[in-house]
Amino acid sequence: KTYEELDEDCDKLIKRDPRTNHIIQQ
């Protein structure tokens, strides 16, 4: 509902490739 909640959700949703550490999901 808020941008603060959106920021927290982004921290939960981000995924990185374990080999390269590149972002694969945001």
mmCIF file of all heavy atoms, coordinates in Angstrom:
data_MODEL
# 
_entry.id   MODEL 
# 
loop_
_atom_site.group_PDB 
_atom_site.id 
_atom_site.type_symbol 
_atom_site.label_atom_id 
_atom_site.label_alt_id 
_atom_site.label_comp_id 
_atom_site.label_asym_id 
_atom_site.label_entity_id 
_atom_site.label_seq_id 
_atom_site.pdbx_PDB_ins_code 
_atom_site.Cartn_x 
_atom_site.Cartn_y 
_atom_site.Cartn_z 
_atom_site.occupancy 
_atom_site.B_iso_or_equiv 
_atom_site.pdbx_formal_charge 
_atom_site.auth_seq_id 
_atom_site.auth_comp_id 
_atom_site.auth_asym_id 
_atom_site.auth_atom_id 
_atom_site.pdbx_PDB_model_num 
ATOM 1   N N   . LYS A 1 1  ? 0.830  -1.203  0.000   1.00 0.00 ? 1  LYS A N   1 
ATOM 2   C CA  . LYS A 1 1  ? 0.000  0.000   0.000   1.00 0.00 ? 1  LYS A CA  1 
ATOM 3   C C   . LYS A 1 1  ? 0.868  1.258   0.000   1.00 0.00 ? 1  LYS A C   1 
ATOM 4   O O   . LYS A 1 1  ? 0.441  2.306   -0.475  1.00 0.00 ? 1  LYS A O   1 
ATOM 5   C CB  . LYS A 1 1  ? -0.927 -0.001  1.215   1.00 0.00 ? 1  LYS A CB  1 
ATOM 6   C CG  . LYS A 1 1  ? -2.018 -1.064  1.180   1.00 0.00 ? 1  LYS A CG  1 
ATOM 7   C CD  . LYS A 1 1  ? -2.938 -0.916  2.391   1.00 0.00 ? 1  LYS A CD  1 
ATOM 8   C CE  . LYS A 1 1  ? -4.125 -1.878  2.304   1.00 0.00 ? 1  LYS A CE  1 
ATOM 9   N NZ  . LYS A 1 1  ? -3.690 -3.284  2.327   1.00 0.00 ? 1  LYS A NZ  1 
ATOM 10  N N   . THR A 1 2  ? 2.070  1.172   0.579   1.00 0.00 ? 2  THR A N   1 
ATOM 11  C CA  . THR A 1 2  ? 2.947  2.333   0.653   1.00 0.00 ? 2  THR A CA  1 
ATOM 12  C C   . THR A 1 2  ? 4.258  2.032   -0.068  1.00 0.00 ? 2  THR A C   1 
ATOM 13  O O   . THR A 1 2  ? 4.590  0.868   -0.326  1.00 0.00 ? 2  THR A O   1 
ATOM 14  C CB  . THR A 1 2  ? 3.258  2.700   2.111   1.00 0.00 ? 2  THR A CB  1 
ATOM 15  O OG1 . THR A 1 2  ? 4.057  1.653   2.693   1.00 0.00 ? 2  THR A OG1 1 
ATOM 16  C CG2 . THR A 1 2  ? 1.976  2.871   2.914   1.00 0.00 ? 2  THR A CG2 1 
ATOM 17  N N   . TYR A 1 3  ? 5.005  3.087   -0.360  1.00 0.00 ? 3  TYR A N   1 
ATOM 18  C CA  . TYR A 1 3  ? 6.305  2.879   -0.994  1.00 0.00 ? 3  TYR A CA  1 
ATOM 19  C C   . TYR A 1 3  ? 7.292  2.229   -0.033  1.00 0.00 ? 3  TYR A C   1 
ATOM 20  O O   . TYR A 1 3  ? 8.193  1.503   -0.461  1.00 0.00 ? 3  TYR A O   1 
ATOM 21  C CB  . TYR A 1 3  ? 6.848  4.214   -1.535  1.00 0.00 ? 3  TYR A CB  1 
ATOM 22  C CG  . TYR A 1 3  ? 6.138  4.621   -2.796  1.00 0.00 ? 3  TYR A CG  1 
ATOM 23  C CD1 . TYR A 1 3  ? 5.265  5.707   -2.815  1.00 0.00 ? 3  TYR A CD1 1 
ATOM 24  C CD2 . TYR A 1 3  ? 6.309  3.890   -3.976  1.00 0.00 ? 3  TYR A CD2 1 
ATOM 25  C CE1 . TYR A 1 3  ? 4.592  6.058   -3.969  1.00 0.00 ? 3  TYR A CE1 1 
ATOM 26  C CE2 . TYR A 1 3  ? 5.631  4.236   -5.128  1.00 0.00 ? 3  TYR A CE2 1 
ATOM 27  C CZ  . TYR A 1 3  ? 4.775  5.316   -5.127  1.00 0.00 ? 3  TYR A CZ  1 
ATOM 28  O OH  . TYR A 1 3  ? 4.095  5.656   -6.269  1.00 0.00 ? 3  TYR A OH  1 
ATOM 29  N N   . GLU A 1 4  ? 7.112  2.461   1.254   1.00 0.00 ? 4  GLU A N   1 
ATOM 30  C CA  . GLU A 1 4  ? 7.955  1.786   2.229   1.00 0.00 ? 4  GLU A CA  1 
ATOM 31  C C   . GLU A 1 4  ? 7.713  0.280   2.200   1.00 0.00 ? 4  GLU A C   1 
ATOM 32  O O   . GLU A 1 4  ? 8.672  -0.521  2.247   1.00 0.00 ? 4  GLU A O   1 
ATOM 33  C CB  . GLU A 1 4  ? 7.690  2.350   3.623   1.00 0.00 ? 4  GLU A CB  1 
ATOM 34  C CG  . GLU A 1 4  ? 8.206  3.759   3.853   1.00 0.00 ? 4  GLU A CG  1 
ATOM 35  C CD  . GLU A 1 4  ? 7.313  4.866   3.272   1.00 0.00 ? 4  GLU A CD  1 
ATOM 36  O OE1 . GLU A 1 4  ? 6.255  4.531   2.701   1.00 0.00 ? 4  GLU A OE1 1 
ATOM 37  O OE2 . GLU A 1 4  ? 7.676  6.038   3.390   1.00 0.00 ? 4  GLU A OE2 1 
ATOM 38  N N   . GLU A 1 5  ? 6.458  -0.133  2.081   1.00 0.00 ? 5  GLU A N   1 
ATOM 39  C CA  . GLU A 1 5  ? 6.141  -1.555  1.953   1.00 0.00 ? 5  GLU A CA  1 
ATOM 40  C C   . GLU A 1 5  ? 6.672  -2.113  0.635   1.00 0.00 ? 5  GLU A C   1 
ATOM 41  O O   . GLU A 1 5  ? 7.164  -3.249  0.583   1.00 0.00 ? 5  GLU A O   1 
ATOM 42  C CB  . GLU A 1 5  ? 4.631  -1.769  2.040   1.00 0.00 ? 5  GLU A CB  1 
ATOM 43  C CG  . GLU A 1 5  ? 4.033  -1.500  3.413   1.00 0.00 ? 5  GLU A CG  1 
ATOM 44  C CD  . GLU A 1 5  ? 2.516  -1.620  3.423   1.00 0.00 ? 5  GLU A CD  1 
ATOM 45  O OE1 . GLU A 1 5  ? 1.926  -1.913  2.348   1.00 0.00 ? 5  GLU A OE1 1 
ATOM 46  O OE2 . GLU A 1 5  ? 1.911  -1.418  4.495   1.00 0.00 ? 5  GLU A OE2 1 
ATOM 47  N N   . LEU A 1 6  ? 6.589  -1.319  -0.413  1.00 0.00 ? 6  LEU A N   1 
ATOM 48  C CA  . LEU A 1 6  ? 7.116  -1.752  -1.708  1.00 0.00 ? 6  LEU A CA  1 
ATOM 49  C C   . LEU A 1 6  ? 8.622  -2.002  -1.621  1.00 0.00 ? 6  LEU A C   1 
ATOM 50  O O   . LEU A 1 6  ? 9.127  -2.996  -2.166  1.00 0.00 ? 6  LEU A O   1 
ATOM 51  C CB  . LEU A 1 6  ? 6.808  -0.703  -2.771  1.00 0.00 ? 6  LEU A CB  1 
ATOM 52  C CG  . LEU A 1 6  ? 7.337  -0.967  -4.181  1.00 0.00 ? 6  LEU A CG  1 
ATOM 53  C CD1 . LEU A 1 6  ? 6.766  -2.254  -4.752  1.00 0.00 ? 6  LEU A CD1 1 
ATOM 54  C CD2 . LEU A 1 6  ? 7.027  0.197   -5.116  1.00 0.00 ? 6  LEU A CD2 1 
ATOM 55  N N   . ASP A 1 7  ? 9.330  -1.130  -0.924  1.00 0.00 ? 7  ASP A N   1 
ATOM 56  C CA  . ASP A 1 7  ? 10.770 -1.314  -0.747  1.00 0.00 ? 7  ASP A CA  1 
ATOM 57  C C   . ASP A 1 7  ? 11.068 -2.625  -0.022  1.00 0.00 ? 7  ASP A C   1 
ATOM 58  O O   . ASP A 1 7  ? 11.978 -3.376  -0.408  1.00 0.00 ? 7  ASP A O   1 
ATOM 59  C CB  . ASP A 1 7  ? 11.361 -0.143  0.028   1.00 0.00 ? 7  ASP A CB  1 
ATOM 60  C CG  . ASP A 1 7  ? 11.375 1.156   -0.769  1.00 0.00 ? 7  ASP A CG  1 
ATOM 61  O OD1 . ASP A 1 7  ? 11.275 1.076   -2.003  1.00 0.00 ? 7  ASP A OD1 1 
ATOM 62  O OD2 . ASP A 1 7  ? 11.473 2.231   -0.150  1.00 0.00 ? 7  ASP A OD2 1 
ATOM 63  N N   . GLU A 1 8  ? 10.322 -2.898  1.034   1.00 0.00 ? 8  GLU A N   1 
ATOM 64  C CA  . GLU A 1 8  ? 10.522 -4.138  1.793   1.00 0.00 ? 8  GLU A CA  1 
ATOM 65  C C   . GLU A 1 8  ? 10.225 -5.357  0.923   1.00 0.00 ? 8  GLU A C   1 
ATOM 66  O O   . GLU A 1 8  ? 10.940 -6.364  0.978   1.00 0.00 ? 8  GLU A O   1 
ATOM 67  C CB  . GLU A 1 8  ? 9.627  -4.139  3.036   1.00 0.00 ? 8  GLU A CB  1 
ATOM 68  C CG  . GLU A 1 8  ? 9.987  -3.084  4.075   1.00 0.00 ? 8  GLU A CG  1 
ATOM 69  C CD  . GLU A 1 8  ? 8.987  -3.034  5.219   1.00 0.00 ? 8  GLU A CD  1 
ATOM 70  O OE1 . GLU A 1 8  ? 8.033  -3.855  5.211   1.00 0.00 ? 8  GLU A OE1 1 
ATOM 71  O OE2 . GLU A 1 8  ? 9.148  -2.175  6.112   1.00 0.00 ? 8  GLU A OE2 1 
ATOM 72  N N   . ASP A 1 9  ? 9.172  -5.255  0.105   1.00 0.00 ? 9  ASP A N   1 
ATOM 73  C CA  . ASP A 1 9  ? 8.810  -6.379  -0.767  1.00 0.00 ? 9  ASP A CA  1 
ATOM 74  C C   . ASP A 1 9  ? 9.899  -6.629  -1.808  1.00 0.00 ? 9  ASP A C   1 
ATOM 75  O O   . ASP A 1 9  ? 10.190 -7.783  -2.153  1.00 0.00 ? 9  ASP A O   1 
ATOM 76  C CB  . ASP A 1 9  ? 7.476  -6.103  -1.458  1.00 0.00 ? 9  ASP A CB  1 
ATOM 77  C CG  . ASP A 1 9  ? 6.293  -6.149  -0.501  1.00 0.00 ? 9  ASP A CG  1 
ATOM 78  O OD1 . ASP A 1 9  ? 6.468  -6.648  0.630   1.00 0.00 ? 9  ASP A OD1 1 
ATOM 79  O OD2 . ASP A 1 9  ? 5.205  -5.672  -0.877  1.00 0.00 ? 9  ASP A OD2 1 
ATOM 80  N N   . CYS A 1 10 ? 10.493 -5.553  -2.321  1.00 0.00 ? 10 CYS A N   1 
ATOM 81  C CA  . CYS A 1 10 ? 11.555 -5.725  -3.317  1.00 0.00 ? 10 CYS A CA  1 
ATOM 82  C C   . CYS A 1 10 ? 12.745 -6.478  -2.724  1.00 0.00 ? 10 CYS A C   1 
ATOM 83  O O   . CYS A 1 10 ? 13.380 -7.292  -3.415  1.00 0.00 ? 10 CYS A O   1 
ATOM 84  C CB  . CYS A 1 10 ? 12.002 -4.361  -3.848  1.00 0.00 ? 10 CYS A CB  1 
ATOM 85  S SG  . CYS A 1 10 ? 10.822 -3.614  -5.005  1.00 0.00 ? 10 CYS A SG  1 
ATOM 86  N N   . ASP A 1 11 ? 13.046 -6.223  -1.455  1.00 0.00 ? 11 ASP A N   1 
ATOM 87  C CA  . ASP A 1 11 ? 14.139 -6.941  -0.802  1.00 0.00 ? 11 ASP A CA  1 
ATOM 88  C C   . ASP A 1 11 ? 13.837 -8.433  -0.688  1.00 0.00 ? 11 ASP A C   1 
ATOM 89  O O   . ASP A 1 11 ? 14.746 -9.266  -0.718  1.00 0.00 ? 11 ASP A O   1 
ATOM 90  C CB  . ASP A 1 11 ? 14.405 -6.363  0.587   1.00 0.00 ? 11 ASP A CB  1 
ATOM 91  C CG  . ASP A 1 11 ? 15.046 -4.984  0.533   1.00 0.00 ? 11 ASP A CG  1 
ATOM 92  O OD1 . ASP A 1 11 ? 15.635 -4.649  -0.519  1.00 0.00 ? 11 ASP A OD1 1 
ATOM 93  O OD2 . ASP A 1 11 ? 14.952 -4.244  1.530   1.00 0.00 ? 11 ASP A OD2 1 
ATOM 94  N N   . LYS A 1 12 ? 12.567 -8.771  -0.555  1.00 0.00 ? 12 LYS A N   1 
ATOM 95  C CA  . LYS A 1 12 ? 12.164 -10.176 -0.457  1.00 0.00 ? 12 LYS A CA  1 
ATOM 96  C C   . LYS A 1 12 ? 12.096 -10.847 -1.826  1.00 0.00 ? 12 LYS A C   1 
ATOM 97  O O   . LYS A 1 12 ? 12.298 -12.054 -1.942  1.00 0.00 ? 12 LYS A O   1 
ATOM 98  C CB  . LYS A 1 12 ? 10.798 -10.280 0.225   1.00 0.00 ? 12 LYS A CB  1 
ATOM 99  C CG  . LYS A 1 12 ? 10.767 -9.790  1.660   1.00 0.00 ? 12 LYS A CG  1 
ATOM 100 C CD  . LYS A 1 12 ? 9.339  -9.820  2.211   1.00 0.00 ? 12 LYS A CD  1 
ATOM 101 C CE  . LYS A 1 12 ? 9.279  -9.257  3.632   1.00 0.00 ? 12 LYS A CE  1 
ATOM 102 N NZ  . LYS A 1 12 ? 7.887  -9.235  4.147   1.00 0.00 ? 12 LYS A NZ  1 
ATOM 103 N N   . LEU A 1 13 ? 11.819 -10.071 -2.844  1.00 0.00 ? 13 LEU A N   1 
ATOM 104 C CA  . LEU A 1 13 ? 11.571 -10.635 -4.175  1.00 0.00 ? 13 LEU A CA  1 
ATOM 105 C C   . LEU A 1 13 ? 12.823 -10.741 -5.042  1.00 0.00 ? 13 LEU A C   1 
ATOM 106 O O   . LEU A 1 13 ? 12.841 -11.528 -5.994  1.00 0.00 ? 13 LEU A O   1 
ATOM 107 C CB  . LEU A 1 13 ? 10.523 -9.785  -4.907  1.00 0.00 ? 13 LEU A CB  1 
ATOM 108 C CG  . LEU A 1 13 ? 9.072  -9.977  -4.446  1.00 0.00 ? 13 LEU A CG  1 
ATOM 109 C CD1 . LEU A 1 13 ? 8.212  -8.778  -4.820  1.00 0.00 ? 13 LEU A CD1 1 
ATOM 110 C CD2 . LEU A 1 13 ? 8.491  -11.254 -5.053  1.00 0.00 ? 13 LEU A CD2 1 
ATOM 111 N N   . ILE A 1 14 ? 13.846 -9.973  -4.739  1.00 0.00 ? 14 ILE A N   1 
ATOM 112 C CA  . ILE A 1 14 ? 15.014 -9.996  -5.604  1.00 0.00 ? 14 ILE A CA  1 
ATOM 113 C C   . ILE A 1 14 ? 15.706 -11.360 -5.554  1.00 0.00 ? 14 ILE A C   1 
ATOM 114 O O   . ILE A 1 14 ? 15.818 -11.981 -4.496  1.00 0.00 ? 14 ILE A O   1 
ATOM 115 C CB  . ILE A 1 14 ? 16.009 -8.871  -5.241  1.00 0.00 ? 14 ILE A CB  1 
ATOM 116 C CG1 . ILE A 1 14 ? 17.082 -8.755  -6.320  1.00 0.00 ? 14 ILE A CG1 1 
ATOM 117 C CG2 . ILE A 1 14 ? 16.608 -9.084  -3.847  1.00 0.00 ? 14 ILE A CG2 1 
ATOM 118 C CD1 . ILE A 1 14 ? 17.944 -7.518  -6.211  1.00 0.00 ? 14 ILE A CD1 1 
ATOM 119 N N   . LYS A 1 15 ? 16.124 -11.814 -6.729  1.00 0.00 ? 15 LYS A N   1 
ATOM 120 C CA  . LYS A 1 15 ? 16.883 -13.061 -6.833  1.00 0.00 ? 15 LYS A CA  1 
ATOM 121 C C   . LYS A 1 15 ? 18.109 -12.812 -7.696  1.00 0.00 ? 15 LYS A C   1 
ATOM 122 O O   . LYS A 1 15 ? 18.059 -12.047 -8.655  1.00 0.00 ? 15 LYS A O   1 
ATOM 123 C CB  . LYS A 1 15 ? 16.029 -14.173 -7.463  1.00 0.00 ? 15 LYS A CB  1 
ATOM 124 C CG  . LYS A 1 15 ? 14.923 -14.694 -6.573  1.00 0.00 ? 15 LYS A CG  1 
ATOM 125 C CD  . LYS A 1 15 ? 14.195 -15.858 -7.248  1.00 0.00 ? 15 LYS A CD  1 
ATOM 126 C CE  . LYS A 1 15 ? 13.088 -16.418 -6.362  1.00 0.00 ? 15 LYS A CE  1 
ATOM 127 N NZ  . LYS A 1 15 ? 12.402 -17.565 -7.031  1.00 0.00 ? 15 LYS A NZ  1 
ATOM 128 N N   . ARG A 1 16 ? 19.213 -13.477 -7.336  1.00 0.00 ? 16 ARG A N   1 
ATOM 129 C CA  . ARG A 1 16 ? 20.451 -13.367 -8.091  1.00 0.00 ? 16 ARG A CA  1 
ATOM 130 C C   . ARG A 1 16 ? 20.944 -14.741 -8.509  1.00 0.00 ? 16 ARG A C   1 
ATOM 131 O O   . ARG A 1 16 ? 20.702 -15.746 -7.810  1.00 0.00 ? 16 ARG A O   1 
ATOM 132 C CB  . ARG A 1 16 ? 21.523 -12.654 -7.269  1.00 0.00 ? 16 ARG A CB  1 
ATOM 133 C CG  . ARG A 1 16 ? 21.191 -11.202 -6.927  1.00 0.00 ? 16 ARG A CG  1 
ATOM 134 C CD  . ARG A 1 16 ? 22.280 -10.580 -6.075  1.00 0.00 ? 16 ARG A CD  1 
ATOM 135 N NE  . ARG A 1 16 ? 21.978 -9.209  -5.684  1.00 0.00 ? 16 ARG A NE  1 
ATOM 136 C CZ  . ARG A 1 16 ? 22.315 -8.122  -6.384  1.00 0.00 ? 16 ARG A CZ  1 
ATOM 137 N NH1 . ARG A 1 16 ? 22.974 -8.269  -7.529  1.00 0.00 ? 16 ARG A NH1 1 
ATOM 138 N NH2 . ARG A 1 16 ? 22.004 -6.909  -5.954  1.00 0.00 ? 16 ARG A NH2 1 
ATOM 139 N N   . ASP A 1 17 ? 21.617 -14.787 -9.616  1.00 0.00 ? 17 ASP A N   1 
ATOM 140 C CA  . ASP A 1 17 ? 22.249 -16.020 -10.062 1.00 0.00 ? 17 ASP A CA  1 
ATOM 141 C C   . ASP A 1 17 ? 23.366 -16.367 -9.063  1.00 0.00 ? 17 ASP A C   1 
ATOM 142 O O   . ASP A 1 17 ? 24.273 -15.562 -8.851  1.00 0.00 ? 17 ASP A O   1 
ATOM 143 C CB  . ASP A 1 17 ? 22.832 -15.826 -11.457 1.00 0.00 ? 17 ASP A CB  1 
ATOM 144 C CG  . ASP A 1 17 ? 23.376 -17.099 -12.062 1.00 0.00 ? 17 ASP A CG  1 
ATOM 145 O OD1 . ASP A 1 17 ? 24.052 -17.860 -11.340 1.00 0.00 ? 17 ASP A OD1 1 
ATOM 146 O OD2 . ASP A 1 17 ? 23.141 -17.333 -13.268 1.00 0.00 ? 17 ASP A OD2 1 
ATOM 147 N N   . PRO A 1 18 ? 23.314 -17.549 -8.425  1.00 0.00 ? 18 PRO A N   1 
ATOM 148 C CA  . PRO A 1 18 ? 24.314 -17.892 -7.406  1.00 0.00 ? 18 PRO A CA  1 
ATOM 149 C C   . PRO A 1 18 ? 25.736 -17.965 -7.952  1.00 0.00 ? 18 PRO A C   1 
ATOM 150 O O   . PRO A 1 18 ? 26.702 -17.799 -7.202  1.00 0.00 ? 18 PRO A O   1 
ATOM 151 C CB  . PRO A 1 18 ? 23.843 -19.247 -6.884  1.00 0.00 ? 18 PRO A CB  1 
ATOM 152 C CG  . PRO A 1 18 ? 22.980 -19.806 -7.966  1.00 0.00 ? 18 PRO A CG  1 
ATOM 153 C CD  . PRO A 1 18 ? 22.318 -18.624 -8.601  1.00 0.00 ? 18 PRO A CD  1 
ATOM 154 N N   . ARG A 1 19 ? 25.875 -18.165 -9.258  1.00 0.00 ? 19 ARG A N   1 
ATOM 155 C CA  . ARG A 1 19 ? 27.217 -18.259 -9.841  1.00 0.00 ? 19 ARG A CA  1 
ATOM 156 C C   . ARG A 1 19 ? 27.810 -16.892 -10.153 1.00 0.00 ? 19 ARG A C   1 
ATOM 157 O O   . ARG A 1 19 ? 28.989 -16.643 -9.926  1.00 0.00 ? 19 ARG A O   1 
ATOM 158 C CB  . ARG A 1 19 ? 27.180 -19.104 -11.116 1.00 0.00 ? 19 ARG A CB  1 
ATOM 159 C CG  . ARG A 1 19 ? 26.740 -20.558 -10.916 1.00 0.00 ? 19 ARG A CG  1 
ATOM 160 C CD  . ARG A 1 19 ? 26.443 -21.198 -12.258 1.00 0.00 ? 19 ARG A CD  1 
ATOM 161 N NE  . ARG A 1 19 ? 25.388 -20.467 -12.962 1.00 0.00 ? 19 ARG A NE  1 
ATOM 162 C CZ  . ARG A 1 19 ? 25.048 -20.690 -14.228 1.00 0.00 ? 19 ARG A CZ  1 
ATOM 163 N NH1 . ARG A 1 19 ? 25.714 -21.574 -14.953 1.00 0.00 ? 19 ARG A NH1 1 
ATOM 164 N NH2 . ARG A 1 19 ? 24.067 -20.004 -14.780 1.00 0.00 ? 19 ARG A NH2 1 
ATOM 165 N N   . THR A 1 20 ? 26.985 -16.005 -10.682 1.00 0.00 ? 20 THR A N   1 
ATOM 166 C CA  . THR A 1 20 ? 27.490 -14.701 -11.141 1.00 0.00 ? 20 THR A CA  1 
ATOM 167 C C   . THR A 1 20 ? 27.058 -13.529 -10.254 1.00 0.00 ? 20 THR A C   1 
ATOM 168 O O   . THR A 1 20 ? 27.597 -12.433 -10.387 1.00 0.00 ? 20 THR A O   1 
ATOM 169 C CB  . THR A 1 20 ? 26.989 -14.423 -12.565 1.00 0.00 ? 20 THR A CB  1 
ATOM 170 O OG1 . THR A 1 20 ? 25.548 -14.316 -12.541 1.00 0.00 ? 20 THR A OG1 1 
ATOM 171 C CG2 . THR A 1 20 ? 27.393 -15.550 -13.511 1.00 0.00 ? 20 THR A CG2 1 
ATOM 172 N N   . ASN A 1 21 ? 26.087 -13.778 -9.402  1.00 0.00 ? 21 ASN A N   1 
ATOM 173 C CA  . ASN A 1 21 ? 25.491 -12.735 -8.555  1.00 0.00 ? 21 ASN A CA  1 
ATOM 174 C C   . ASN A 1 21 ? 24.705 -11.703 -9.359  1.00 0.00 ? 21 ASN A C   1 
ATOM 175 O O   . ASN A 1 21 ? 24.318 -10.666 -8.840  1.00 0.00 ? 21 ASN A O   1 
ATOM 176 C CB  . ASN A 1 21 ? 26.555 -12.020 -7.712  1.00 0.00 ? 21 ASN A CB  1 
ATOM 177 C CG  . ASN A 1 21 ? 25.948 -11.370 -6.477  1.00 0.00 ? 21 ASN A CG  1 
ATOM 178 O OD1 . ASN A 1 21 ? 25.038 -11.936 -5.851  1.00 0.00 ? 21 ASN A OD1 1 
ATOM 179 N ND2 . ASN A 1 21 ? 26.425 -10.196 -6.115  1.00 0.00 ? 21 ASN A ND2 1 
ATOM 180 N N   . HIS A 1 22 ? 24.437 -11.991 -10.640 1.00 0.00 ? 22 HIS A N   1 
ATOM 181 C CA  . HIS A 1 22 ? 23.632 -11.095 -11.457 1.00 0.00 ? 22 HIS A CA  1 
ATOM 182 C C   . HIS A 1 22 ? 22.158 -11.215 -11.083 1.00 0.00 ? 22 HIS A C   1 
ATOM 183 O O   . HIS A 1 22 ? 21.684 -12.300 -10.753 1.00 0.00 ? 22 HIS A O   1 
ATOM 184 C CB  . HIS A 1 22 ? 23.810 -11.426 -12.947 1.00 0.00 ? 22 HIS A CB  1 
ATOM 185 C CG  . HIS A 1 22 ? 25.180 -11.112 -13.463 1.00 0.00 ? 22 HIS A CG  1 
ATOM 186 N ND1 . HIS A 1 22 ? 25.655 -11.599 -14.666 1.00 0.00 ? 22 HIS A ND1 1 
ATOM 187 C CD2 . HIS A 1 22 ? 26.186 -10.352 -12.950 1.00 0.00 ? 22 HIS A CD2 1 
ATOM 188 C CE1 . HIS A 1 22 ? 26.877 -11.173 -14.867 1.00 0.00 ? 22 HIS A CE1 1 
ATOM 189 N NE2 . HIS A 1 22 ? 27.228 -10.408 -13.836 1.00 0.00 ? 22 HIS A NE2 1 
ATOM 190 N N   . ILE A 1 23 ? 21.464 -10.105 -11.162 1.00 0.00 ? 23 ILE A N   1 
ATOM 191 C CA  . ILE A 1 23 ? 20.033 -10.100 -10.854 1.00 0.00 ? 23 ILE A CA  1 
ATOM 192 C C   . ILE A 1 23 ? 19.278 -10.896 -11.914 1.00 0.00 ? 23 ILE A C   1 
ATOM 193 O O   . ILE A 1 23 ? 19.474 -10.701 -13.119 1.00 0.00 ? 23 ILE A O   1 
ATOM 194 C CB  . ILE A 1 23 ? 19.494 -8.657  -10.795 1.00 0.00 ? 23 ILE A CB  1 
ATOM 195 C CG1 . ILE A 1 23 ? 20.174 -7.862  -9.686  1.00 0.00 ? 23 ILE A CG1 1 
ATOM 196 C CG2 . ILE A 1 23 ? 17.974 -8.662  -10.580 1.00 0.00 ? 23 ILE A CG2 1 
ATOM 197 C CD1 . ILE A 1 23 ? 19.837 -6.376  -9.706  1.00 0.00 ? 23 ILE A CD1 1 
ATOM 198 N N   . ILE A 1 24 ? 18.398 -11.786 -11.479 1.00 0.00 ? 24 ILE A N   1 
ATOM 199 C CA  . ILE A 1 24 ? 17.560 -12.550 -12.405 1.00 0.00 ? 24 ILE A CA  1 
ATOM 200 C C   . ILE A 1 24 ? 16.069 -12.340 -12.107 1.00 0.00 ? 24 ILE A C   1 
ATOM 201 O O   . ILE A 1 24 ? 15.217 -12.781 -12.883 1.00 0.00 ? 24 ILE A O   1 
ATOM 202 C CB  . ILE A 1 24 ? 17.900 -14.058 -12.366 1.00 0.00 ? 24 ILE A CB  1 
ATOM 203 C CG1 . ILE A 1 24 ? 17.757 -14.607 -10.943 1.00 0.00 ? 24 ILE A CG1 1 
ATOM 204 C CG2 . ILE A 1 24 ? 19.296 -14.302 -12.916 1.00 0.00 ? 24 ILE A CG2 1 
ATOM 205 C CD1 . ILE A 1 24 ? 17.944 -16.119 -10.860 1.00 0.00 ? 24 ILE A CD1 1 
ATOM 206 N N   . GLN A 1 25 ? 15.766 -11.677 -10.999 1.00 0.00 ? 25 GLN A N   1 
ATOM 207 C CA  . GLN A 1 25 ? 14.368 -11.364 -10.670 1.00 0.00 ? 25 GLN A CA  1 
ATOM 208 C C   . GLN A 1 25 ? 14.354 -10.138 -9.775  1.00 0.00 ? 25 GLN A C   1 
ATOM 209 O O   . GLN A 1 25 ? 15.192 -9.972  -8.913  1.00 0.00 ? 25 GLN A O   1 
ATOM 210 C CB  . GLN A 1 25 ? 13.703 -12.541 -9.948  1.00 0.00 ? 25 GLN A CB  1 
ATOM 211 C CG  . GLN A 1 25 ? 12.269 -12.251 -9.490  1.00 0.00 ? 25 GLN A CG  1 
ATOM 212 C CD  . GLN A 1 25 ? 11.641 -13.399 -8.741  1.00 0.00 ? 25 GLN A CD  1 
ATOM 213 O OE1 . GLN A 1 25 ? 11.439 -14.482 -9.314  1.00 0.00 ? 25 GLN A OE1 1 
ATOM 214 N NE2 . GLN A 1 25 ? 11.338 -13.205 -7.459  1.00 0.00 ? 25 GLN A NE2 1 
ATOM 215 N N   . GLN A 1 26 ? 13.387 -9.259  -10.004 1.00 0.00 ? 26 GLN A N   1 
ATOM 216 C CA  . GLN A 1 26 ? 13.259 -8.049  -9.197  1.00 0.00 ? 26 GLN A CA  1 
ATOM 217 C C   . GLN A 1 26 ? 11.790 -7.843  -8.853  1.00 0.00 ? 26 GLN A C   1 
ATOM 218 O O   . GLN A 1 26 ? 10.894 -8.265  -9.600  1.00 0.00 ? 26 GLN A O   1 
ATOM 219 C CB  . GLN A 1 26 ? 13.826 -6.848  -9.944  1.00 0.00 ? 26 GLN A CB  1 
ATOM 220 C CG  . GLN A 1 26 ? 13.765 -5.523  -9.194  1.00 0.00 ? 26 GLN A CG  1 
ATOM 221 C CD  . GLN A 1 26 ? 14.491 -5.539  -7.872  1.00 0.00 ? 26 GLN A CD  1 
ATOM 222 O OE1 . GLN A 1 26 ? 13.975 -6.097  -6.886  1.00 0.00 ? 26 GLN A OE1 1 
ATOM 223 N NE2 . GLN A 1 26 ? 15.673 -4.939  -7.823  1.00 0.00 ? 26 GLN A NE2 1 
# 
